[in-house]
PDB file of all heavy atoms in Angstrom:
ATOM      1  N   GLU A   1      99.849 113.548 113.401  1.00  0.00           N
ATOM      2  CA  GLU A   1     100.973 113.036 112.647  1.00  0.00           C
ATOM      3  C   GLU A   1     101.582 114.225 111.821  1.00  0.00           C
ATOM      4  O   GLU A   1     101.027 115.110 111.511  1.00  0.00           O
ATOM      5  CB  GLU A   1     100.648 111.883 111.768  1.00  0.00           C
ATOM      6  CG  GLU A   1      99.812 112.325 110.473  1.00  0.00           C
ATOM      7  CD  GLU A   1      99.559 111.082 109.603  1.00  0.00           C
ATOM      8  OE1 GLU A   1     100.513 110.355 109.315  1.00  0.00           O
ATOM      9  OE2 GLU A   1      98.499 110.822 109.152  1.00  0.00           O
ATOM     10  N   PRO A   2     102.941 114.036 111.660  1.00  0.00           N
ATOM     11  CA  PRO A   2     103.874 113.039 112.330  1.00  0.00           C
ATOM     12  C   PRO A   2     104.119 113.331 113.730  1.00  0.00           C
ATOM     13  O   PRO A   2     104.225 114.536 114.161  1.00  0.00           O
ATOM     14  CB  PRO A   2     105.203 113.334 111.443  1.00  0.00           C
ATOM     15  CG  PRO A   2     105.098 114.753 111.038  1.00  0.00           C
ATOM     16  CD  PRO A   2     103.737 115.082 110.777  1.00  0.00           C
ATOM     17  N   VAL A   3     104.054 112.302 114.494  1.00  0.00           N
ATOM     18  CA  VAL A   3     104.105 112.442 115.955  1.00  0.00           C
ATOM     19  C   VAL A   3     105.202 111.541 116.482  1.00  0.00           C
ATOM     20  O   VAL A   3     105.206 110.335 116.309  1.00  0.00           O
ATOM     21  CB  VAL A   3     102.681 112.123 116.606  1.00  0.00           C
ATOM     22  CG1 VAL A   3     102.318 110.662 116.303  1.00  0.00           C
ATOM     23  CG2 VAL A   3     102.793 112.360 118.153  1.00  0.00           C
ATOM     24  N   PRO A   4     106.119 112.094 117.346  1.00  0.00           N
ATOM     25  CA  PRO A   4     107.187 111.325 117.894  1.00  0.00           C
ATOM     26  C   PRO A   4     106.527 110.224 118.876  1.00  0.00           C
ATOM     27  O   PRO A   4     105.427 110.561 119.513  1.00  0.00           O
ATOM     28  CB  PRO A   4     107.947 112.309 118.805  1.00  0.00           C
ATOM     29  CG  PRO A   4     107.800 113.645 118.066  1.00  0.00           C
ATOM     30  CD  PRO A   4     106.299 113.573 117.570  1.00  0.00           C
ATOM     31  N   SER A   5     107.007 109.043 118.925  1.00  0.00           N
ATOM     32  CA  SER A   5     106.369 107.991 119.722  1.00  0.00           C
ATOM     33  C   SER A   5     106.193 108.329 121.172  1.00  0.00           C
ATOM     34  O   SER A   5     105.284 108.034 121.811  1.00  0.00           O
ATOM     35  CB  SER A   5     107.082 106.647 119.478  1.00  0.00           C
ATOM     36  OG  SER A   5     108.372 106.767 119.790  1.00  0.00           O
ATOM     37  N   GLY A   6     107.243 109.135 121.678  1.00  0.00           N
ATOM     38  CA  GLY A   6     107.167 109.526 123.118  1.00  0.00           C
ATOM     39  C   GLY A   6     106.061 110.544 123.408  1.00  0.00           C
ATOM     40  O   GLY A   6     105.298 110.450 124.334  1.00  0.00           O
ATOM     41  N   GLU A   7     105.704 111.384 122.352  1.00  0.00           N
ATOM     42  CA  GLU A   7     104.606 112.252 122.472  1.00  0.00           C
ATOM     43  C   GLU A   7     103.257 111.571 122.369  1.00  0.00           C
ATOM     44  O   GLU A   7     102.328 111.896 123.061  1.00  0.00           O
ATOM     45  CB  GLU A   7     104.690 113.355 121.424  1.00  0.00           C
ATOM     46  CG  GLU A   7     103.664 114.422 121.565  1.00  0.00           C
ATOM     47  CD  GLU A   7     103.762 115.560 120.420  1.00  0.00           C
ATOM     48  OE1 GLU A   7     104.974 115.907 120.084  1.00  0.00           O
ATOM     49  OE2 GLU A   7     102.755 116.013 119.946  1.00  0.00           O
ATOM     50  N   LEU A   8     103.294 110.508 121.524  1.00  0.00           N
ATOM     51  CA  LEU A   8     102.047 109.688 121.434  1.00  0.00           C
ATOM     52  C   LEU A   8     101.802 108.948 122.619  1.00  0.00           C
ATOM     53  O   LEU A   8     100.540 108.927 122.985  1.00  0.00           O
ATOM     54  CB  LEU A   8     102.329 108.715 120.226  1.00  0.00           C
ATOM     55  CG  LEU A   8     101.204 107.822 119.819  1.00  0.00           C
ATOM     56  CD1 LEU A   8      99.855 108.646 119.343  1.00  0.00           C
ATOM     57  CD2 LEU A   8     101.453 106.914 118.667  1.00  0.00           C
ATOM     58  N   VAL A   9     102.778 108.559 123.363  1.00  0.00           N
ATOM     59  CA  VAL A   9     102.527 107.858 124.680  1.00  0.00           C
ATOM     60  C   VAL A   9     101.847 108.941 125.604  1.00  0.00           C
ATOM     61  O   VAL A   9     100.901 108.559 126.265  1.00  0.00           O
ATOM     62  CB  VAL A   9     103.790 107.368 125.365  1.00  0.00           C
ATOM     63  CG1 VAL A   9     103.711 107.020 126.741  1.00  0.00           C
ATOM     64  CG2 VAL A   9     104.410 106.177 124.437  1.00  0.00           C
ATOM     65  N   LYS A  10     102.302 110.205 125.539  1.00  0.00           N
ATOM     66  CA  LYS A  10     101.745 111.120 126.501  1.00  0.00           C
ATOM     67  C   LYS A  10     100.273 111.449 126.138  1.00  0.00           C
ATOM     68  O   LYS A  10      99.410 111.661 126.944  1.00  0.00           O
ATOM     69  CB  LYS A  10     102.620 112.439 126.563  1.00  0.00           C
ATOM     70  CG  LYS A  10     103.985 112.243 127.146  1.00  0.00           C
ATOM     71  CD  LYS A  10     104.788 113.446 127.071  1.00  0.00           C
ATOM     72  CE  LYS A  10     106.228 113.185 127.672  1.00  0.00           C
ATOM     73  NZ  LYS A  10     107.049 114.298 127.316  1.00  0.00           N
ATOM     74  N   LEU A  11     100.069 111.552 124.813  1.00  0.00           N
ATOM     75  CA  LEU A  11      98.698 111.862 124.291  1.00  0.00           C
ATOM     76  C   LEU A  11      97.773 110.710 124.708  1.00  0.00           C
ATOM     77  O   LEU A  11      96.611 110.989 125.147  1.00  0.00           O
ATOM     78  CB  LEU A  11      98.743 111.986 122.753  1.00  0.00           C
ATOM     79  CG  LEU A  11      99.125 113.303 122.162  1.00  0.00           C
ATOM     80  CD1 LEU A  11      99.412 113.033 120.635  1.00  0.00           C
ATOM     81  CD2 LEU A  11      98.170 114.394 122.361  1.00  0.00           C
ATOM     82  N   CYS A  12      98.226 109.453 124.564  1.00  0.00           N
ATOM     83  CA  CYS A  12      97.350 108.292 124.975  1.00  0.00           C
ATOM     84  C   CYS A  12      97.167 108.231 126.430  1.00  0.00           C
ATOM     85  O   CYS A  12      96.049 107.913 126.866  1.00  0.00           O
ATOM     86  CB  CYS A  12      98.002 107.004 124.432  1.00  0.00           C
ATOM     87  SG  CYS A  12      97.936 106.826 122.621  1.00  0.00           S
ATOM     88  N   GLU A  13      98.106 108.663 127.204  1.00  0.00           N
ATOM     89  CA  GLU A  13      97.962 108.657 128.628  1.00  0.00           C
ATOM     90  C   GLU A  13      96.881 109.706 129.033  1.00  0.00           C
ATOM     91  O   GLU A  13      96.024 109.464 129.882  1.00  0.00           O
ATOM     92  CB  GLU A  13      99.294 109.012 129.322  1.00  0.00           C
ATOM     93  CG  GLU A  13      99.261 108.944 130.850  1.00  0.00           C
ATOM     94  CD  GLU A  13     100.650 109.310 131.475  1.00  0.00           C
ATOM     95  OE1 GLU A  13     101.437 109.926 130.741  1.00  0.00           O
ATOM     96  OE2 GLU A  13     100.766 109.060 132.638  1.00  0.00           O
ATOM     97  N   LYS A  14      96.952 110.802 128.346  1.00  0.00           N
ATOM     98  CA  LYS A  14      96.115 111.993 128.671  1.00  0.00           C
ATOM     99  C   LYS A  14      94.710 111.727 128.206  1.00  0.00           C
ATOM    100  O   LYS A  14      93.628 111.800 128.947  1.00  0.00           O
ATOM    101  CB  LYS A  14      96.602 113.248 128.090  1.00  0.00           C
ATOM    102  CG  LYS A  14      95.789 114.532 128.322  1.00  0.00           C
ATOM    103  CD  LYS A  14      96.437 115.659 127.790  1.00  0.00           C
ATOM    104  CE  LYS A  14      95.563 116.860 128.037  1.00  0.00           C
ATOM    105  NZ  LYS A  14      96.106 118.075 127.268  1.00  0.00           N
ATOM    106  N   LYS A  15      94.536 111.316 126.902  1.00  0.00           N
ATOM    107  CA  LYS A  15      93.261 111.213 126.278  1.00  0.00           C
ATOM    108  C   LYS A  15      92.658 109.830 126.523  1.00  0.00           C
ATOM    109  O   LYS A  15      91.415 109.723 126.566  1.00  0.00           O
ATOM    110  CB  LYS A  15      93.383 111.335 124.774  1.00  0.00           C
ATOM    111  CG  LYS A  15      93.953 112.701 124.401  1.00  0.00           C
ATOM    112  CD  LYS A  15      92.932 113.803 124.300  1.00  0.00           C
ATOM    113  CE  LYS A  15      93.558 115.057 123.707  1.00  0.00           C
ATOM    114  NZ  LYS A  15      92.655 116.154 123.705  1.00  0.00           N
ATOM    115  N   LEU A  16      93.323 108.683 126.565  1.00  0.00           N
ATOM    116  CA  LEU A  16      92.732 107.479 126.713  1.00  0.00           C
ATOM    117  C   LEU A  16      93.027 106.664 128.052  1.00  0.00           C
ATOM    118  O   LEU A  16      92.610 105.602 128.247  1.00  0.00           O
ATOM    119  CB  LEU A  16      93.338 106.600 125.537  1.00  0.00           C
ATOM    120  CG  LEU A  16      93.200 107.108 124.177  1.00  0.00           C
ATOM    121  CD1 LEU A  16      93.826 106.304 123.141  1.00  0.00           C
ATOM    122  CD2 LEU A  16      91.612 107.225 123.808  1.00  0.00           C
ATOM    123  N   LYS A  17      93.862 107.456 128.895  1.00  0.00           N
ATOM    124  CA  LYS A  17      94.235 106.829 130.229  1.00  0.00           C
ATOM    125  C   LYS A  17      95.008 105.581 130.077  1.00  0.00           C
ATOM    126  O   LYS A  17      94.858 104.619 130.839  1.00  0.00           O
ATOM    127  CB  LYS A  17      93.046 106.605 131.034  1.00  0.00           C
ATOM    128  CG  LYS A  17      92.019 107.765 131.192  1.00  0.00           C
ATOM    129  CD  LYS A  17      92.703 108.910 131.972  1.00  0.00           C
ATOM    130  CE  LYS A  17      91.711 110.054 132.183  1.00  0.00           C
ATOM    131  NZ  LYS A  17      92.151 111.335 131.704  1.00  0.00           N
ATOM    132  N   TRP A  18      95.874 105.524 129.049  1.00  0.00           N
ATOM    133  CA  TRP A  18      96.721 104.284 128.773  1.00  0.00           C
ATOM    134  C   TRP A  18      98.062 104.381 129.414  1.00  0.00           C
ATOM    135  O   TRP A  18      98.613 105.489 129.546  1.00  0.00           O
ATOM    136  CB  TRP A  18      96.886 104.164 127.384  1.00  0.00           C
ATOM    137  CG  TRP A  18      95.728 103.611 126.615  1.00  0.00           C
ATOM    138  CD1 TRP A  18      94.442 103.395 126.962  1.00  0.00           C
ATOM    139  CD2 TRP A  18      95.632 103.387 125.109  1.00  0.00           C
ATOM    140  NE1 TRP A  18      93.653 102.997 125.923  1.00  0.00           N
ATOM    141  CE2 TRP A  18      94.399 102.997 124.751  1.00  0.00           C
ATOM    142  CE3 TRP A  18      96.605 103.452 124.085  1.00  0.00           C
ATOM    143  CZ2 TRP A  18      93.930 102.631 123.528  1.00  0.00           C
ATOM    144  CZ3 TRP A  18      96.252 103.095 122.845  1.00  0.00           C
ATOM    145  CH2 TRP A  18      94.879 102.748 122.516  1.00  0.00           C
ATOM    146  N   LYS A  19      98.646 103.171 129.661  1.00  0.00           N
ATOM    147  CA  LYS A  19      99.998 103.055 130.095  1.00  0.00           C
ATOM    148  C   LYS A  19     100.911 103.049 128.803  1.00  0.00           C
ATOM    149  O   LYS A  19     100.326 102.740 127.738  1.00  0.00           O
ATOM    150  CB  LYS A  19     100.244 101.805 130.925  1.00  0.00           C
ATOM    151  CG  LYS A  19      99.517 101.877 132.228  1.00  0.00           C
ATOM    152  CD  LYS A  19      99.768 100.626 133.002  1.00  0.00           C
ATOM    153  CE  LYS A  19      99.046 100.776 134.484  1.00  0.00           C
ATOM    154  NZ  LYS A  19      99.222  99.579 135.239  1.00  0.00           N
ATOM    155  N   LYS A  20     102.147 103.297 129.064  1.00  0.00           N
ATOM    156  CA  LYS A  20     103.108 103.288 127.865  1.00  0.00           C
ATOM    157  C   LYS A  20     103.098 101.903 127.096  1.00  0.00           C
ATOM    158  O   LYS A  20     103.009 101.877 125.836  1.00  0.00           O
ATOM    159  CB  LYS A  20     104.447 103.493 128.418  1.00  0.00           C
ATOM    160  CG  LYS A  20     105.600 103.508 127.369  1.00  0.00           C
ATOM    161  CD  LYS A  20     106.922 103.793 128.012  1.00  0.00           C
ATOM    162  CE  LYS A  20     108.065 103.831 127.004  1.00  0.00           C
ATOM    163  NZ  LYS A  20     109.332 104.047 127.698  1.00  0.00           N
ATOM    164  N   SER A  21     102.963 100.804 127.844  1.00  0.00           N
ATOM    165  CA  SER A  21     102.979  99.546 127.237  1.00  0.00           C
ATOM    166  C   SER A  21     101.724  99.275 126.373  1.00  0.00           C
ATOM    167  O   SER A  21     101.806  98.701 125.277  1.00  0.00           O
ATOM    168  CB  SER A  21     103.101  98.449 128.284  1.00  0.00           C
ATOM    169  OG  SER A  21     101.931  98.499 129.111  1.00  0.00           O
ATOM    170  N   THR A  22     100.584  99.807 126.789  1.00  0.00           N
ATOM    171  CA  THR A  22      99.291  99.692 125.906  1.00  0.00           C
ATOM    172  C   THR A  22      99.548 100.413 124.651  1.00  0.00           C
ATOM    173  O   THR A  22      99.149  99.927 123.622  1.00  0.00           O
ATOM    174  CB  THR A  22      98.134 100.242 126.738  1.00  0.00           C
ATOM    175  OG1 THR A  22      98.076  99.553 128.017  1.00  0.00           O
ATOM    176  CG2 THR A  22      96.932 100.049 125.941  1.00  0.00           C
ATOM    177  N   THR A  23     100.025 101.676 124.706  1.00  0.00           N
ATOM    178  CA  THR A  23     100.295 102.434 123.559  1.00  0.00           C
ATOM    179  C   THR A  23     101.138 101.743 122.585  1.00  0.00           C
ATOM    180  O   THR A  23     100.749 101.671 121.338  1.00  0.00           O
ATOM    181  CB  THR A  23     100.885 103.910 123.893  1.00  0.00           C
ATOM    182  OG1 THR A  23      99.899 104.534 124.747  1.00  0.00           O
ATOM    183  CG2 THR A  23     101.059 104.654 122.587  1.00  0.00           C
ATOM    184  N   TYR A  24     102.202 101.244 122.987  1.00  0.00           N
ATOM    185  CA  TYR A  24     103.129 100.507 122.103  1.00  0.00           C
ATOM    186  C   TYR A  24     102.595  99.206 121.537  1.00  0.00           C
ATOM    187  O   TYR A  24     102.730  98.881 120.367  1.00  0.00           O
ATOM    188  CB  TYR A  24     104.485 100.306 122.789  1.00  0.00           C
ATOM    189  CG  TYR A  24     105.351 101.614 122.926  1.00  0.00           C
ATOM    190  CD1 TYR A  24     105.608 102.313 123.852  1.00  0.00           C
ATOM    191  CD2 TYR A  24     105.787 102.146 121.494  1.00  0.00           C
ATOM    192  CE1 TYR A  24     106.392 103.481 123.928  1.00  0.00           C
ATOM    193  CE2 TYR A  24     106.512 103.322 121.471  1.00  0.00           C
ATOM    194  CZ  TYR A  24     106.801 103.918 122.668  1.00  0.00           C
ATOM    195  OH  TYR A  24     107.539 105.109 122.631  1.00  0.00           O
ATOM    196  N   THR A  25     101.737  98.556 122.368  1.00  0.00           N
ATOM    197  CA  THR A  25     101.095  97.301 121.819  1.00  0.00           C
ATOM    198  C   THR A  25     100.155  97.576 120.753  1.00  0.00           C
ATOM    199  O   THR A  25     100.177  96.984 119.640  1.00  0.00           O
ATOM    200  CB  THR A  25     100.427  96.501 123.090  1.00  0.00           C
ATOM    201  OG1 THR A  25     101.366  96.220 123.980  1.00  0.00           O
ATOM    202  CG2 THR A  25      99.721  95.400 122.538  1.00  0.00           C
ATOM    203  N   VAL A  26      99.170  98.565 120.938  1.00  0.00           N
ATOM    204  CA  VAL A  26      98.334  98.938 119.938  1.00  0.00           C
ATOM    205  C   VAL A  26      98.994  99.498 118.694  1.00  0.00           C
ATOM    206  O   VAL A  26      98.591  99.151 117.571  1.00  0.00           O
ATOM    207  CB  VAL A  26      97.247  99.954 120.503  1.00  0.00           C
ATOM    208  CG1 VAL A  26      96.313 100.459 119.399  1.00  0.00           C
ATOM    209  CG2 VAL A  26      96.509  99.320 121.620  1.00  0.00           C
ATOM    210  N   LEU A  27     100.028 100.318 118.911  1.00  0.00           N
ATOM    211  CA  LEU A  27     100.802 100.835 117.768  1.00  0.00           C
ATOM    212  C   LEU A  27     101.422  99.720 116.959  1.00  0.00           C
ATOM    213  O   LEU A  27     101.369  99.735 115.769  1.00  0.00           O
ATOM    214  CB  LEU A  27     101.896 101.810 118.194  1.00  0.00           C
ATOM    215  CG  LEU A  27     102.873 102.348 117.219  1.00  0.00           C
ATOM    216  CD1 LEU A  27     102.079 103.130 116.081  1.00  0.00           C
ATOM    217  CD2 LEU A  27     103.870 103.214 117.804  1.00  0.00           C
ATOM    218  N   ARG A  28     101.928  98.808 117.702  1.00  0.00           N
ATOM    219  CA  ARG A  28     102.644  97.602 116.946  1.00  0.00           C
ATOM    220  C   ARG A  28     101.630  96.859 116.191  1.00  0.00           C
ATOM    221  O   ARG A  28     101.838  96.539 114.905  1.00  0.00           O
ATOM    222  CB  ARG A  28     103.298  96.720 117.941  1.00  0.00           C
ATOM    223  CG  ARG A  28     104.028  95.552 117.338  1.00  0.00           C
ATOM    224  CD  ARG A  28     104.635  94.642 118.299  1.00  0.00           C
ATOM    225  NE  ARG A  28     103.844  94.206 119.478  1.00  0.00           N
ATOM    226  CZ  ARG A  28     102.823  93.436 119.494  1.00  0.00           C
ATOM    227  NH1 ARG A  28     102.518  92.745 118.347  1.00  0.00           N
ATOM    228  NH2 ARG A  28     102.167  93.073 120.537  1.00  0.00           N
ATOM    229  N   LYS A  29     100.498  96.601 116.707  1.00  0.00           N
ATOM    230  CA  LYS A  29      99.323  95.908 116.005  1.00  0.00           C
ATOM    231  C   LYS A  29      98.906  96.656 114.728  1.00  0.00           C
ATOM    232  O   LYS A  29      98.667  96.038 113.687  1.00  0.00           O
ATOM    233  CB  LYS A  29      98.194  95.655 116.889  1.00  0.00           C
ATOM    234  CG  LYS A  29      98.473  94.550 118.000  1.00  0.00           C
ATOM    235  CD  LYS A  29      97.357  94.236 118.733  1.00  0.00           C
ATOM    236  CE  LYS A  29      97.709  93.244 119.861  1.00  0.00           C
ATOM    237  NZ  LYS A  29      96.588  92.885 120.723  1.00  0.00           N
ATOM    238  N   LEU A  30      98.826  97.911 114.912  1.00  0.00           N
ATOM    239  CA  LEU A  30      98.362  98.786 113.670  1.00  0.00           C
ATOM    240  C   LEU A  30      99.493  98.931 112.594  1.00  0.00           C
ATOM    241  O   LEU A  30      99.081  99.159 111.469  1.00  0.00           O
ATOM    242  CB  LEU A  30      97.768 100.057 114.114  1.00  0.00           C
ATOM    243  CG  LEU A  30      96.484  99.937 114.967  1.00  0.00           C
ATOM    244  CD1 LEU A  30      95.856 101.322 115.332  1.00  0.00           C
ATOM    245  CD2 LEU A  30      95.411  99.125 114.231  1.00  0.00           C
ATOM    246  N   CYS A  31     100.679  98.908 113.043  1.00  0.00           N
ATOM    247  CA  CYS A  31     101.737  98.823 111.988  1.00  0.00           C
ATOM    248  C   CYS A  31     101.777  97.594 111.404  1.00  0.00           C
ATOM    249  O   CYS A  31     102.037  97.446 110.128  1.00  0.00           O
ATOM    250  CB  CYS A  31     103.137  99.078 112.815  1.00  0.00           C
ATOM    251  SG  CYS A  31     103.375 100.767 113.380  1.00  0.00           S
ATOM    252  N   GLU A  32     101.523  96.437 112.170  1.00  0.00           N
ATOM    253  CA  GLU A  32     101.561  95.098 111.439  1.00  0.00           C
ATOM    254  C   GLU A  32     100.358  95.094 110.423  1.00  0.00           C
ATOM    255  O   GLU A  32     100.485  94.372 109.447  1.00  0.00           O
ATOM    256  CB  GLU A  32     101.379  94.062 112.490  1.00  0.00           C
ATOM    257  CG  GLU A  32     102.655  93.725 113.370  1.00  0.00           C
ATOM    258  CD  GLU A  32     102.341  92.888 114.551  1.00  0.00           C
ATOM    259  OE1 GLU A  32     101.213  92.367 114.802  1.00  0.00           O
ATOM    260  OE2 GLU A  32     103.441  92.611 115.237  1.00  0.00           O
ATOM    261  N   LYS A  33      99.199  95.708 110.755  1.00  0.00           N
ATOM    262  CA  LYS A  33      98.202  95.770 109.834  1.00  0.00           C
ATOM    263  C   LYS A  33      98.373  96.652 108.574  1.00  0.00           C
ATOM    264  O   LYS A  33      97.627  96.744 107.604  1.00  0.00           O
ATOM    265  CB  LYS A  33      96.869  96.186 110.443  1.00  0.00           C
ATOM    266  CG  LYS A  33      96.313  95.288 111.493  1.00  0.00           C
ATOM    267  CD  LYS A  33      94.986  95.841 112.023  1.00  0.00           C
ATOM    268  CE  LYS A  33      94.344  94.744 112.908  1.00  0.00           C
ATOM    269  NZ  LYS A  33      92.954  95.276 113.341  1.00  0.00           N
ATOM    270  N   GLY A  34      99.473  97.376 108.617  1.00  0.00           N
ATOM    271  CA  GLY A  34      99.789  98.374 107.553  1.00  0.00           C
ATOM    272  C   GLY A  34      99.094  99.731 107.613  1.00  0.00           C
ATOM    273  O   GLY A  34      99.182 100.404 106.580  1.00  0.00           O
ATOM    274  N   LEU A  35      98.568 100.045 108.711  1.00  0.00           N
ATOM    275  CA  LEU A  35      97.951 101.339 108.781  1.00  0.00           C
ATOM    276  C   LEU A  35      98.905 102.415 109.158  1.00  0.00           C
ATOM    277  O   LEU A  35      98.847 103.623 108.581  1.00  0.00           O
ATOM    278  CB  LEU A  35      96.811 101.264 109.838  1.00  0.00           C
ATOM    279  CG  LEU A  35      95.894 102.538 110.102  1.00  0.00           C
ATOM    280  CD1 LEU A  35      95.136 102.792 108.652  1.00  0.00           C
ATOM    281  CD2 LEU A  35      94.956 102.269 111.140  1.00  0.00           C
ATOM    282  N   PHE A  36      99.869 102.180 109.971  1.00  0.00           N
ATOM    283  CA  PHE A  36     100.857 103.173 110.433  1.00  0.00           C
ATOM    284  C   PHE A  36     102.205 102.640 110.397  1.00  0.00           C
ATOM    285  O   PHE A  36     102.494 101.340 110.225  1.00  0.00           O
ATOM    286  CB  PHE A  36     100.581 103.518 111.987  1.00  0.00           C
ATOM    287  CG  PHE A  36      99.231 104.162 112.172  1.00  0.00           C
ATOM    288  CD1 PHE A  36      98.349 103.629 113.050  1.00  0.00           C
ATOM    289  CD2 PHE A  36      98.862 105.434 111.535  1.00  0.00           C
ATOM    290  CE1 PHE A  36      97.187 104.245 113.239  1.00  0.00           C
ATOM    291  CE2 PHE A  36      97.735 105.928 111.742  1.00  0.00           C
ATOM    292  CZ  PHE A  36      96.825 105.386 112.645  1.00  0.00           C
ATOM    293  N   GLN A  37     103.163 103.457 110.506  1.00  0.00           N
ATOM    294  CA  GLN A  37     104.560 103.089 110.616  1.00  0.00           C
ATOM    295  C   GLN A  37     105.264 103.915 111.699  1.00  0.00           C
ATOM    296  O   GLN A  37     104.919 105.031 111.986  1.00  0.00           O
ATOM    297  CB  GLN A  37     105.343 103.224 109.349  1.00  0.00           C
ATOM    298  CG  GLN A  37     105.444 104.692 108.772  1.00  0.00           C
ATOM    299  CD  GLN A  37     106.226 104.758 107.458  1.00  0.00           C
ATOM    300  OE1 GLN A  37     106.674 103.773 106.934  1.00  0.00           O
ATOM    301  NE2 GLN A  37     106.258 105.946 106.972  1.00  0.00           N
ATOM    302  N   ASN A  38     106.272 103.258 112.336  1.00  0.00           N
ATOM    303  CA  ASN A  38     107.020 103.923 113.385  1.00  0.00           C
ATOM    304  C   ASN A  38     108.520 103.830 112.980  1.00  0.00           C
ATOM    305  O   ASN A  38     109.150 102.786 113.133  1.00  0.00           O
ATOM    306  CB  ASN A  38     106.882 103.181 114.737  1.00  0.00           C
ATOM    307  CG  ASN A  38     107.576 103.834 115.887  1.00  0.00           C
ATOM    308  OD1 ASN A  38     108.157 104.944 115.654  1.00  0.00           O
ATOM    309  ND2 ASN A  38     107.496 103.351 117.010  1.00  0.00           N
ATOM    310  N   GLN A  39     109.005 104.872 112.256  1.00  0.00           N
ATOM    311  CA  GLN A  39     110.399 104.926 111.786  1.00  0.00           C
ATOM    312  C   GLN A  39     111.105 105.984 112.599  1.00  0.00           C
ATOM    313  O   GLN A  39     110.752 107.113 112.644  1.00  0.00           O
ATOM    314  CB  GLN A  39     110.369 105.288 110.344  1.00  0.00           C
ATOM    315  CG  GLN A  39     109.882 104.123 109.435  1.00  0.00           C
ATOM    316  CD  GLN A  39     110.161 104.368 108.002  1.00  0.00           C
ATOM    317  OE1 GLN A  39     110.008 105.449 107.457  1.00  0.00           O
ATOM    318  NE2 GLN A  39     110.514 103.258 107.269  1.00  0.00           N
ATOM    319  N   ASN A  40     112.289 105.510 113.120  1.00  0.00           N
ATOM    320  CA  ASN A  40     113.189 106.464 113.964  1.00  0.00           C
ATOM    321  C   ASN A  40     112.399 107.117 115.039  1.00  0.00           C
ATOM    322  O   ASN A  40     112.694 108.341 115.334  1.00  0.00           O
ATOM    323  CB  ASN A  40     113.853 107.371 112.926  1.00  0.00           C
ATOM    324  CG  ASN A  40     114.665 106.678 111.917  1.00  0.00           C
ATOM    325  OD1 ASN A  40     115.367 105.620 112.216  1.00  0.00           O
ATOM    326  ND2 ASN A  40     114.577 107.143 110.666  1.00  0.00           N
ATOM    327  N   GLY A  41     111.386 106.430 115.634  1.00  0.00           N
ATOM    328  CA  GLY A  41     110.683 107.022 116.722  1.00  0.00           C
ATOM    329  C   GLY A  41     109.616 108.110 116.318  1.00  0.00           C
ATOM    330  O   GLY A  41     109.074 108.719 117.179  1.00  0.00           O
ATOM    331  N   VAL A  42     109.316 108.135 114.949  1.00  0.00           N
ATOM    332  CA  VAL A  42     108.236 109.076 114.577  1.00  0.00           C
ATOM    333  C   VAL A  42     107.095 108.158 113.918  1.00  0.00           C
ATOM    334  O   VAL A  42     107.347 107.390 112.955  1.00  0.00           O
ATOM    335  CB  VAL A  42     108.727 110.049 113.516  1.00  0.00           C
ATOM    336  CG1 VAL A  42     107.651 110.956 113.032  1.00  0.00           C
ATOM    337  CG2 VAL A  42     109.915 110.831 114.190  1.00  0.00           C
ATOM    338  N   VAL A  43     105.922 108.365 114.408  1.00  0.00           N
ATOM    339  CA  VAL A  43     104.711 107.585 113.893  1.00  0.00           C
ATOM    340  C   VAL A  43     103.998 108.442 112.712  1.00  0.00           C
ATOM    341  O   VAL A  43     103.793 109.608 112.996  1.00  0.00           O
ATOM    342  CB  VAL A  43     103.707 107.268 115.029  1.00  0.00           C
ATOM    343  CG1 VAL A  43     102.590 106.534 114.509  1.00  0.00           C
ATOM    344  CG2 VAL A  43     104.572 106.593 116.088  1.00  0.00           C
ATOM    345  N   THR A  44     103.827 107.796 111.648  1.00  0.00           N
ATOM    346  CA  THR A  44     103.101 108.361 110.532  1.00  0.00           C
ATOM    347  C   THR A  44     102.090 107.343 109.980  1.00  0.00           C
ATOM    348  O   THR A  44     102.296 106.131 110.190  1.00  0.00           O
ATOM    349  CB  THR A  44     103.978 108.924 109.465  1.00  0.00           C
ATOM    350  OG1 THR A  44     104.877 107.832 108.976  1.00  0.00           O
ATOM    351  CG2 THR A  44     104.872 110.048 109.888  1.00  0.00           C
TER     352      THR A  44
END
């Protein structure tokens, strides 16, 4: 962090073997829990 969401998708694909949709689903859930935020395409 701070990591652009597109770069995060690539990191998750490489490190976790995830598809783009999986990354965004997990990110959304953790944003809802208050752990992260995705503002203007940058995750912190």
